[in-house]
Amino acid sequence: MLIFLWAEGNNGVIGYHGELPWHLPADMHYFKTSTTGHTVIAGARTFASFHRPLPNRRNVVVSHRPASEFPAGVTVLDSLDAVRAYAAEHAAEQLFVVGGAQLFAGLLDDVDLLYRTTIAADFPGDTWMPAIDYTQFTRIGRQVGIRDDQNPYDYVFEQFKRN
């Protein structure tokens, strides 16, 4: 099962200079608890932003670079078709696609679930979430986050299932 997991600002920004343009520990906790014990699939630039393979997860990178350029234990797939084949082979598992924008755009027709964090602020950015036709999905969960000293923005966690 393919699941998109991302956070975006009001303006659809998901990244800036290869990093998140905000600091929101509650969202990082949500990411960690959602993906731990599962597979994360990332493009090479998104994977590089982690600075290491994510612990307690199977790490899959989509890249044309050879597997030898990535840390041991990381699975490297060289195309969207390879991701689709991998997803078919692991259909009973939760496979979290975590970015970047090209990966989201390329797999939009294949995704089963969406896990979106919306942050109620506009951010500078150079990477935006591709447009999603939400009429193809039904919202199955919504939780308003708590704004506090550590989490300085209003934010909402939502989950959607393909119709």
N, C-alpha and C. Protein backbone atom coordinates (compact mmCIF):
# COMPACT_ATOMS: atom_id res chain seq x y z
N MET A 1 0.84 -1.17 0.00
CA MET A 1 0.00 0.00 0.00
C MET A 1 0.89 1.24 0.00
N LEU A 2 0.70 2.10 -0.99
CA LEU A 2 1.48 3.33 -1.06
C LEU A 2 0.77 4.45 -0.30
N ILE A 3 1.53 5.11 0.55
CA ILE A 3 1.02 6.21 1.37
C ILE A 3 1.93 7.41 1.16
N PHE A 4 1.35 8.55 0.84
CA PHE A 4 2.12 9.80 0.82
C PHE A 4 2.07 10.40 2.22
N LEU A 5 3.22 10.83 2.71
CA LEU A 5 3.29 11.51 4.01
C LEU A 5 4.12 12.77 3.81
N TRP A 6 3.50 13.93 4.10
CA TRP A 6 4.20 15.20 3.91
C TRP A 6 3.56 16.28 4.77
N ALA A 7 4.29 17.37 4.89
CA ALA A 7 3.79 18.59 5.53
C ALA A 7 3.91 19.70 4.51
N GLU A 8 2.95 20.62 4.54
CA GLU A 8 2.99 21.75 3.63
C GLU A 8 2.46 23.00 4.32
N GLY A 9 2.98 24.13 3.87
CA GLY A 9 2.46 25.40 4.33
C GLY A 9 1.19 25.75 3.58
N ASN A 10 0.54 26.83 4.00
CA ASN A 10 -0.67 27.30 3.31
C ASN A 10 -0.44 27.47 1.82
N ASN A 11 0.75 27.88 1.45
CA ASN A 11 1.08 28.14 0.05
C ASN A 11 1.58 26.90 -0.69
N GLY A 12 1.44 25.72 -0.10
CA GLY A 12 1.82 24.48 -0.75
C GLY A 12 3.29 24.16 -0.72
N VAL A 13 4.09 25.01 -0.07
CA VAL A 13 5.53 24.77 0.01
C VAL A 13 5.81 23.54 0.85
N ILE A 14 6.72 22.69 0.34
CA ILE A 14 7.15 21.51 1.10
C ILE A 14 8.65 21.50 1.36
N GLY A 15 9.39 22.42 0.73
CA GLY A 15 10.84 22.42 0.93
C GLY A 15 11.48 23.72 0.50
N TYR A 16 12.68 23.92 1.06
CA TYR A 16 13.46 25.10 0.73
C TYR A 16 14.94 24.76 0.89
N HIS A 17 15.68 24.82 -0.19
CA HIS A 17 17.11 24.49 -0.19
C HIS A 17 17.38 23.09 0.38
N GLY A 18 16.52 22.14 0.04
CA GLY A 18 16.72 20.76 0.46
C GLY A 18 16.36 20.46 1.90
N GLU A 19 15.69 21.37 2.55
CA GLU A 19 15.29 21.17 3.95
C GLU A 19 13.84 21.61 4.12
N LEU A 20 13.27 21.32 5.28
CA LEU A 20 11.95 21.86 5.62
C LEU A 20 12.11 23.33 6.00
N PRO A 21 11.22 24.20 5.54
CA PRO A 21 11.36 25.63 5.86
C PRO A 21 10.76 26.03 7.20
N TRP A 22 10.47 25.10 8.05
CA TRP A 22 9.88 25.37 9.36
C TRP A 22 10.46 24.41 10.38
N HIS A 23 10.23 24.73 11.63
CA HIS A 23 10.61 23.83 12.73
C HIS A 23 9.32 23.53 13.49
N LEU A 24 8.87 22.30 13.40
CA LEU A 24 7.62 21.88 14.04
C LEU A 24 7.81 20.48 14.63
N PRO A 25 8.30 20.41 15.87
CA PRO A 25 8.60 19.11 16.48
C PRO A 25 7.42 18.14 16.50
N ALA A 26 6.21 18.63 16.65
CA ALA A 26 5.05 17.73 16.67
C ALA A 26 4.91 17.01 15.34
N ASP A 27 5.21 17.69 14.24
CA ASP A 27 5.13 17.04 12.94
C ASP A 27 6.25 16.02 12.77
N MET A 28 7.43 16.33 13.28
CA MET A 28 8.53 15.37 13.21
C MET A 28 8.18 14.11 14.02
N HIS A 29 7.53 14.30 15.16
CA HIS A 29 7.09 13.17 15.98
C HIS A 29 6.04 12.35 15.21
N TYR A 30 5.12 13.02 14.57
CA TYR A 30 4.09 12.35 13.77
C TYR A 30 4.74 11.53 12.65
N PHE A 31 5.71 12.12 11.97
CA PHE A 31 6.45 11.43 10.92
C PHE A 31 7.11 10.17 11.49
N LYS A 32 7.80 10.33 12.60
CA LYS A 32 8.53 9.20 13.19
C LYS A 32 7.57 8.09 13.62
N THR A 33 6.51 8.43 14.33
CA THR A 33 5.60 7.40 14.82
C THR A 33 4.83 6.75 13.67
N SER A 34 4.53 7.50 12.61
CA SER A 34 3.81 6.93 11.47
C SER A 34 4.67 5.96 10.68
N THR A 35 5.96 6.27 10.53
CA THR A 35 6.81 5.49 9.63
C THR A 35 7.64 4.41 10.32
N THR A 36 7.85 4.51 11.62
CA THR A 36 8.68 3.51 12.31
C THR A 36 8.10 2.12 12.13
N GLY A 37 8.95 1.19 11.77
CA GLY A 37 8.55 -0.19 11.54
C GLY A 37 8.06 -0.44 10.12
N HIS A 38 8.09 0.58 9.29
CA HIS A 38 7.60 0.48 7.92
C HIS A 38 8.70 0.86 6.93
N THR A 39 8.33 1.00 5.68
CA THR A 39 9.26 1.40 4.63
C THR A 39 9.05 2.86 4.29
N VAL A 40 10.15 3.61 4.15
CA VAL A 40 10.09 4.97 3.63
C VAL A 40 10.74 4.97 2.25
N ILE A 41 10.08 5.63 1.32
CA ILE A 41 10.58 5.74 -0.05
C ILE A 41 10.81 7.22 -0.30
N ALA A 42 12.05 7.56 -0.66
CA ALA A 42 12.41 8.96 -0.86
C ALA A 42 13.24 9.12 -2.11
N GLY A 43 13.13 10.28 -2.73
CA GLY A 43 14.05 10.63 -3.79
C GLY A 43 15.42 10.88 -3.19
N ALA A 44 16.43 10.95 -4.03
CA ALA A 44 17.81 11.07 -3.53
C ALA A 44 18.02 12.35 -2.73
N ARG A 45 17.45 13.48 -3.17
CA ARG A 45 17.63 14.73 -2.43
C ARG A 45 16.92 14.70 -1.08
N THR A 46 15.72 14.13 -1.06
CA THR A 46 15.01 14.01 0.22
C THR A 46 15.79 13.09 1.15
N PHE A 47 16.27 11.97 0.63
CA PHE A 47 17.06 11.06 1.45
C PHE A 47 18.29 11.77 2.01
N ALA A 48 18.96 12.57 1.19
CA ALA A 48 20.15 13.30 1.65
C ALA A 48 19.81 14.25 2.79
N SER A 49 18.59 14.78 2.81
CA SER A 49 18.21 15.70 3.89
C SER A 49 18.09 14.99 5.23
N PHE A 50 17.97 13.65 5.23
CA PHE A 50 17.92 12.90 6.48
C PHE A 50 19.31 12.78 7.11
N HIS A 51 20.35 12.91 6.31
CA HIS A 51 21.75 12.82 6.74
C HIS A 51 22.20 11.41 7.12
N ARG A 52 21.28 10.45 7.11
CA ARG A 52 21.59 9.05 7.39
C ARG A 52 20.33 8.24 7.13
N PRO A 53 20.44 6.93 6.99
CA PRO A 53 19.22 6.13 6.88
C PRO A 53 18.38 6.29 8.15
N LEU A 54 17.07 6.35 7.98
CA LEU A 54 16.20 6.50 9.13
C LEU A 54 16.16 5.19 9.91
N PRO A 55 16.40 5.25 11.21
CA PRO A 55 16.44 4.01 12.01
C PRO A 55 15.06 3.37 12.13
N ASN A 56 15.09 2.06 12.29
CA ASN A 56 13.89 1.25 12.51
C ASN A 56 12.88 1.35 11.37
N ARG A 57 13.41 1.56 10.17
CA ARG A 57 12.61 1.62 8.95
C ARG A 57 13.41 1.02 7.82
N ARG A 58 12.74 0.45 6.84
CA ARG A 58 13.41 0.05 5.62
C ARG A 58 13.51 1.32 4.77
N ASN A 59 14.71 1.68 4.36
CA ASN A 59 14.95 2.89 3.58
C ASN A 59 15.11 2.53 2.11
N VAL A 60 14.26 3.13 1.27
CA VAL A 60 14.31 2.93 -0.17
C VAL A 60 14.54 4.30 -0.80
N VAL A 61 15.50 4.38 -1.70
CA VAL A 61 15.82 5.62 -2.39
C VAL A 61 15.58 5.41 -3.88
N VAL A 62 14.96 6.41 -4.50
CA VAL A 62 14.76 6.39 -5.95
C VAL A 62 15.82 7.30 -6.55
N SER A 63 16.73 6.68 -7.32
CA SER A 63 17.86 7.43 -7.86
C SER A 63 18.46 6.68 -9.05
N HIS A 64 19.05 7.44 -9.94
CA HIS A 64 19.80 6.82 -11.05
C HIS A 64 21.24 6.56 -10.65
N ARG A 65 21.64 7.04 -9.47
CA ARG A 65 23.00 6.79 -9.00
C ARG A 65 23.12 5.33 -8.57
N PRO A 66 24.31 4.76 -8.64
CA PRO A 66 24.47 3.35 -8.24
C PRO A 66 24.27 3.16 -6.74
N ALA A 67 23.81 1.97 -6.39
CA ALA A 67 23.56 1.64 -4.99
C ALA A 67 24.81 1.81 -4.13
N SER A 68 25.99 1.64 -4.73
CA SER A 68 27.25 1.76 -3.97
C SER A 68 27.46 3.17 -3.42
N GLU A 69 26.74 4.16 -3.94
CA GLU A 69 26.87 5.53 -3.45
C GLU A 69 26.00 5.82 -2.23
N PHE A 70 25.23 4.82 -1.80
CA PHE A 70 24.34 4.98 -0.65
C PHE A 70 24.80 4.07 0.48
N PRO A 71 24.42 4.36 1.71
CA PRO A 71 24.83 3.52 2.84
C PRO A 71 24.35 2.08 2.68
N ALA A 72 25.09 1.17 3.28
CA ALA A 72 24.71 -0.24 3.27
C ALA A 72 23.31 -0.40 3.85
N GLY A 73 22.56 -1.31 3.26
CA GLY A 73 21.22 -1.58 3.76
C GLY A 73 20.13 -0.75 3.10
N VAL A 74 20.50 0.28 2.36
CA VAL A 74 19.52 1.10 1.66
C VAL A 74 19.21 0.43 0.32
N THR A 75 17.93 0.27 0.03
CA THR A 75 17.50 -0.28 -1.26
C THR A 75 17.41 0.87 -2.25
N VAL A 76 18.01 0.70 -3.43
CA VAL A 76 17.98 1.74 -4.45
C VAL A 76 17.15 1.24 -5.64
N LEU A 77 16.16 2.04 -6.01
CA LEU A 77 15.33 1.77 -7.18
C LEU A 77 15.60 2.87 -8.19
N ASP A 78 15.64 2.51 -9.48
CA ASP A 78 16.09 3.48 -10.47
C ASP A 78 14.99 4.16 -11.28
N SER A 79 13.72 3.89 -10.95
CA SER A 79 12.64 4.50 -11.73
C SER A 79 11.31 4.41 -10.98
N LEU A 80 10.34 5.16 -11.47
CA LEU A 80 8.98 5.06 -10.91
C LEU A 80 8.40 3.68 -11.17
N ASP A 81 8.70 3.10 -12.33
CA ASP A 81 8.22 1.74 -12.61
C ASP A 81 8.80 0.74 -11.61
N ALA A 82 10.05 0.95 -11.22
CA ALA A 82 10.66 0.07 -10.21
C ALA A 82 9.97 0.25 -8.86
N VAL A 83 9.55 1.47 -8.55
CA VAL A 83 8.80 1.71 -7.31
C VAL A 83 7.47 0.98 -7.38
N ARG A 84 6.80 1.07 -8.51
CA ARG A 84 5.50 0.39 -8.67
C ARG A 84 5.67 -1.13 -8.52
N ALA A 85 6.71 -1.68 -9.11
CA ALA A 85 6.96 -3.12 -8.99
C ALA A 85 7.27 -3.48 -7.54
N TYR A 86 8.06 -2.65 -6.87
CA TYR A 86 8.38 -2.87 -5.46
C TYR A 86 7.10 -2.85 -4.63
N ALA A 87 6.23 -1.86 -4.91
CA ALA A 87 4.97 -1.75 -4.17
C ALA A 87 4.10 -2.98 -4.41
N ALA A 88 4.08 -3.49 -5.63
CA ALA A 88 3.29 -4.68 -5.93
C ALA A 88 3.83 -5.89 -5.16
N GLU A 89 5.15 -5.99 -5.06
CA GLU A 89 5.78 -7.10 -4.33
C GLU A 89 5.54 -7.00 -2.83
N HIS A 90 5.30 -5.79 -2.33
CA HIS A 90 5.12 -5.55 -0.90
C HIS A 90 3.72 -4.98 -0.63
N ALA A 91 2.73 -5.48 -1.36
CA ALA A 91 1.37 -4.91 -1.33
C ALA A 91 0.73 -4.93 0.06
N ALA A 92 1.11 -5.86 0.90
CA ALA A 92 0.51 -5.96 2.23
C ALA A 92 1.17 -5.00 3.23
N GLU A 93 2.25 -4.36 2.82
CA GLU A 93 3.00 -3.48 3.72
C GLU A 93 2.62 -2.02 3.53
N GLN A 94 2.89 -1.22 4.55
CA GLN A 94 2.71 0.23 4.45
C GLN A 94 4.02 0.83 3.94
N LEU A 95 3.95 1.40 2.75
CA LEU A 95 5.12 2.01 2.10
C LEU A 95 4.88 3.52 2.06
N PHE A 96 5.66 4.27 2.82
CA PHE A 96 5.48 5.71 2.94
C PHE A 96 6.37 6.46 1.96
N VAL A 97 5.76 7.09 0.98
CA VAL A 97 6.47 7.97 0.06
C VAL A 97 6.58 9.31 0.76
N VAL A 98 7.82 9.79 0.98
CA VAL A 98 8.03 10.97 1.82
C VAL A 98 8.66 12.15 1.05
N GLY A 99 8.72 12.05 -0.25
CA GLY A 99 9.23 13.16 -1.06
C GLY A 99 10.37 12.72 -1.93
N GLY A 100 10.69 13.55 -2.83
CA GLY A 100 10.28 14.90 -3.08
C GLY A 100 9.12 15.03 -4.05
N ALA A 101 8.96 16.25 -4.51
CA ALA A 101 7.82 16.61 -5.33
C ALA A 101 7.73 15.77 -6.60
N GLN A 102 8.85 15.45 -7.23
CA GLN A 102 8.81 14.64 -8.46
C GLN A 102 8.30 13.24 -8.18
N LEU A 103 8.68 12.69 -7.04
CA LEU A 103 8.20 11.36 -6.65
C LEU A 103 6.70 11.41 -6.37
N PHE A 104 6.25 12.44 -5.64
CA PHE A 104 4.82 12.59 -5.38
C PHE A 104 4.05 12.71 -6.70
N ALA A 105 4.52 13.57 -7.60
CA ALA A 105 3.83 13.78 -8.88
C ALA A 105 3.78 12.49 -9.70
N GLY A 106 4.88 11.77 -9.73
CA GLY A 106 4.97 10.56 -10.54
C GLY A 106 4.15 9.40 -10.03
N LEU A 107 3.87 9.39 -8.73
CA LEU A 107 3.14 8.27 -8.13
C LEU A 107 1.72 8.64 -7.72
N LEU A 108 1.27 9.82 -8.10
CA LEU A 108 -0.03 10.31 -7.67
C LEU A 108 -1.17 9.36 -8.07
N ASP A 109 -1.09 8.76 -9.24
CA ASP A 109 -2.15 7.84 -9.66
C ASP A 109 -2.10 6.50 -8.94
N ASP A 110 -1.01 6.23 -8.22
CA ASP A 110 -0.83 4.93 -7.57
C ASP A 110 -1.07 4.96 -6.06
N VAL A 111 -1.15 6.14 -5.48
CA VAL A 111 -1.21 6.25 -4.02
C VAL A 111 -2.57 5.81 -3.49
N ASP A 112 -2.54 5.13 -2.34
CA ASP A 112 -3.76 4.64 -1.69
C ASP A 112 -4.22 5.56 -0.56
N LEU A 113 -3.26 6.08 0.21
CA LEU A 113 -3.58 6.92 1.36
C LEU A 113 -2.73 8.18 1.33
N LEU A 114 -3.27 9.26 1.89
CA LEU A 114 -2.54 10.51 2.03
C LEU A 114 -2.50 10.87 3.51
N TYR A 115 -1.31 11.16 4.01
CA TYR A 115 -1.12 11.66 5.39
C TYR A 115 -0.54 13.06 5.26
N ARG A 116 -1.38 14.06 5.40
CA ARG A 116 -0.97 15.44 5.17
C ARG A 116 -0.99 16.23 6.47
N THR A 117 0.09 16.98 6.70
CA THR A 117 0.10 17.98 7.76
C THR A 117 0.04 19.33 7.07
N THR A 118 -0.95 20.12 7.42
CA THR A 118 -1.08 21.47 6.88
C THR A 118 -0.68 22.44 7.98
N ILE A 119 0.27 23.30 7.67
CA ILE A 119 0.77 24.28 8.63
C ILE A 119 0.21 25.64 8.22
N ALA A 120 -0.47 26.31 9.14
CA ALA A 120 -1.19 27.54 8.85
C ALA A 120 -0.25 28.74 8.80
N ALA A 121 0.63 28.73 7.81
CA ALA A 121 1.55 29.85 7.58
C ALA A 121 2.08 29.71 6.16
N ASP A 122 2.49 30.83 5.60
CA ASP A 122 3.17 30.82 4.30
C ASP A 122 4.67 30.81 4.54
N PHE A 123 5.38 30.03 3.76
CA PHE A 123 6.82 29.90 3.93
C PHE A 123 7.53 30.16 2.60
N PRO A 124 8.74 30.68 2.67
CA PRO A 124 9.52 30.75 1.43
C PRO A 124 9.89 29.32 1.03
N GLY A 125 9.98 29.10 -0.25
CA GLY A 125 10.31 27.74 -0.68
C GLY A 125 10.69 27.66 -2.12
N ASP A 126 11.24 26.51 -2.47
CA ASP A 126 11.56 26.23 -3.86
C ASP A 126 11.00 24.89 -4.32
N THR A 127 10.22 24.26 -3.44
CA THR A 127 9.60 22.98 -3.75
C THR A 127 8.16 23.00 -3.24
N TRP A 128 7.22 22.64 -4.14
CA TRP A 128 5.81 22.66 -3.79
C TRP A 128 5.20 21.28 -3.98
N MET A 129 4.17 21.00 -3.21
CA MET A 129 3.44 19.75 -3.36
C MET A 129 2.65 19.81 -4.66
N PRO A 130 2.72 18.77 -5.47
CA PRO A 130 1.90 18.74 -6.70
C PRO A 130 0.40 18.81 -6.33
N ALA A 131 -0.38 19.34 -7.23
CA ALA A 131 -1.83 19.43 -7.01
C ALA A 131 -2.43 18.03 -6.91
N ILE A 132 -3.29 17.87 -5.94
CA ILE A 132 -3.98 16.60 -5.72
C ILE A 132 -5.47 16.84 -5.90
N ASP A 133 -6.13 15.98 -6.64
CA ASP A 133 -7.58 16.05 -6.81
C ASP A 133 -8.21 15.32 -5.63
N TYR A 134 -8.59 16.10 -4.62
CA TYR A 134 -9.13 15.51 -3.39
C TYR A 134 -10.52 14.92 -3.59
N THR A 135 -11.16 15.14 -4.74
CA THR A 135 -12.45 14.48 -4.99
C THR A 135 -12.26 12.98 -5.18
N GLN A 136 -11.02 12.55 -5.42
CA GLN A 136 -10.72 11.12 -5.56
C GLN A 136 -10.45 10.45 -4.21
N PHE A 137 -10.52 11.23 -3.14
CA PHE A 137 -10.20 10.74 -1.80
C PHE A 137 -11.29 11.12 -0.81
N THR A 138 -11.39 10.35 0.26
CA THR A 138 -12.28 10.65 1.36
C THR A 138 -11.44 10.85 2.61
N ARG A 139 -11.71 11.95 3.31
CA ARG A 139 -10.97 12.17 4.56
C ARG A 139 -11.43 11.16 5.59
N ILE A 140 -10.47 10.46 6.20
CA ILE A 140 -10.78 9.42 7.18
C ILE A 140 -10.26 9.77 8.57
N GLY A 141 -9.53 10.87 8.68
CA GLY A 141 -9.02 11.29 9.98
C GLY A 141 -8.61 12.75 9.96
N ARG A 142 -8.77 13.40 11.10
CA ARG A 142 -8.36 14.80 11.23
C ARG A 142 -8.07 15.08 12.70
N GLN A 143 -6.90 15.63 12.96
CA GLN A 143 -6.52 15.98 14.32
C GLN A 143 -5.85 17.35 14.29
N VAL A 144 -6.41 18.26 15.08
CA VAL A 144 -5.83 19.60 15.18
C VAL A 144 -4.66 19.54 16.14
N GLY A 145 -3.51 20.05 15.71
CA GLY A 145 -2.32 20.06 16.56
C GLY A 145 -2.39 21.18 17.59
N ILE A 146 -1.57 21.05 18.60
CA ILE A 146 -1.54 22.02 19.69
C ILE A 146 -0.38 22.99 19.48
N ARG A 147 -0.71 24.26 19.34
CA ARG A 147 0.31 25.30 19.21
C ARG A 147 0.84 25.62 20.61
N ASP A 148 2.17 25.64 20.73
CA ASP A 148 2.79 25.94 22.02
C ASP A 148 4.18 26.53 21.79
N ASP A 149 4.97 26.63 22.84
CA ASP A 149 6.30 27.23 22.70
C ASP A 149 7.20 26.45 21.74
N GLN A 150 7.03 25.13 21.69
CA GLN A 150 7.85 24.30 20.82
C GLN A 150 7.31 24.23 19.39
N ASN A 151 6.02 24.41 19.23
CA ASN A 151 5.33 24.29 17.94
C ASN A 151 4.62 25.61 17.65
N PRO A 152 5.33 26.55 17.04
CA PRO A 152 4.85 27.93 16.97
C PRO A 152 3.81 28.23 15.89
N TYR A 153 3.27 27.20 15.23
CA TYR A 153 2.28 27.41 14.18
C TYR A 153 1.03 26.60 14.48
N ASP A 154 -0.12 27.05 13.98
CA ASP A 154 -1.30 26.22 13.97
C ASP A 154 -1.09 25.16 12.89
N TYR A 155 -1.54 23.93 13.13
CA TYR A 155 -1.33 22.84 12.18
C TYR A 155 -2.40 21.79 12.37
N VAL A 156 -2.61 21.01 11.31
CA VAL A 156 -3.64 19.96 11.32
C VAL A 156 -3.06 18.73 10.64
N PHE A 157 -3.26 17.56 11.26
CA PHE A 157 -2.93 16.28 10.65
C PHE A 157 -4.21 15.73 10.02
N GLU A 158 -4.13 15.29 8.76
CA GLU A 158 -5.29 14.69 8.11
C GLU A 158 -4.86 13.46 7.35
N GLN A 159 -5.78 12.51 7.25
CA GLN A 159 -5.56 11.30 6.49
C GLN A 159 -6.72 11.15 5.50
N PHE A 160 -6.38 10.73 4.29
CA PHE A 160 -7.35 10.54 3.23
C PHE A 160 -7.14 9.17 2.59
N LYS A 161 -8.25 8.54 2.22
CA LYS A 161 -8.20 7.24 1.54
C LYS A 161 -8.78 7.39 0.14
N ARG A 162 -8.12 6.77 -0.83
CA ARG A 162 -8.62 6.84 -2.21
C ARG A 162 -9.99 6.19 -2.28
N ASN A 163 -10.92 6.84 -3.00
CA ASN A 163 -12.28 6.31 -3.17
C ASN A 163 -12.28 5.02 -3.98
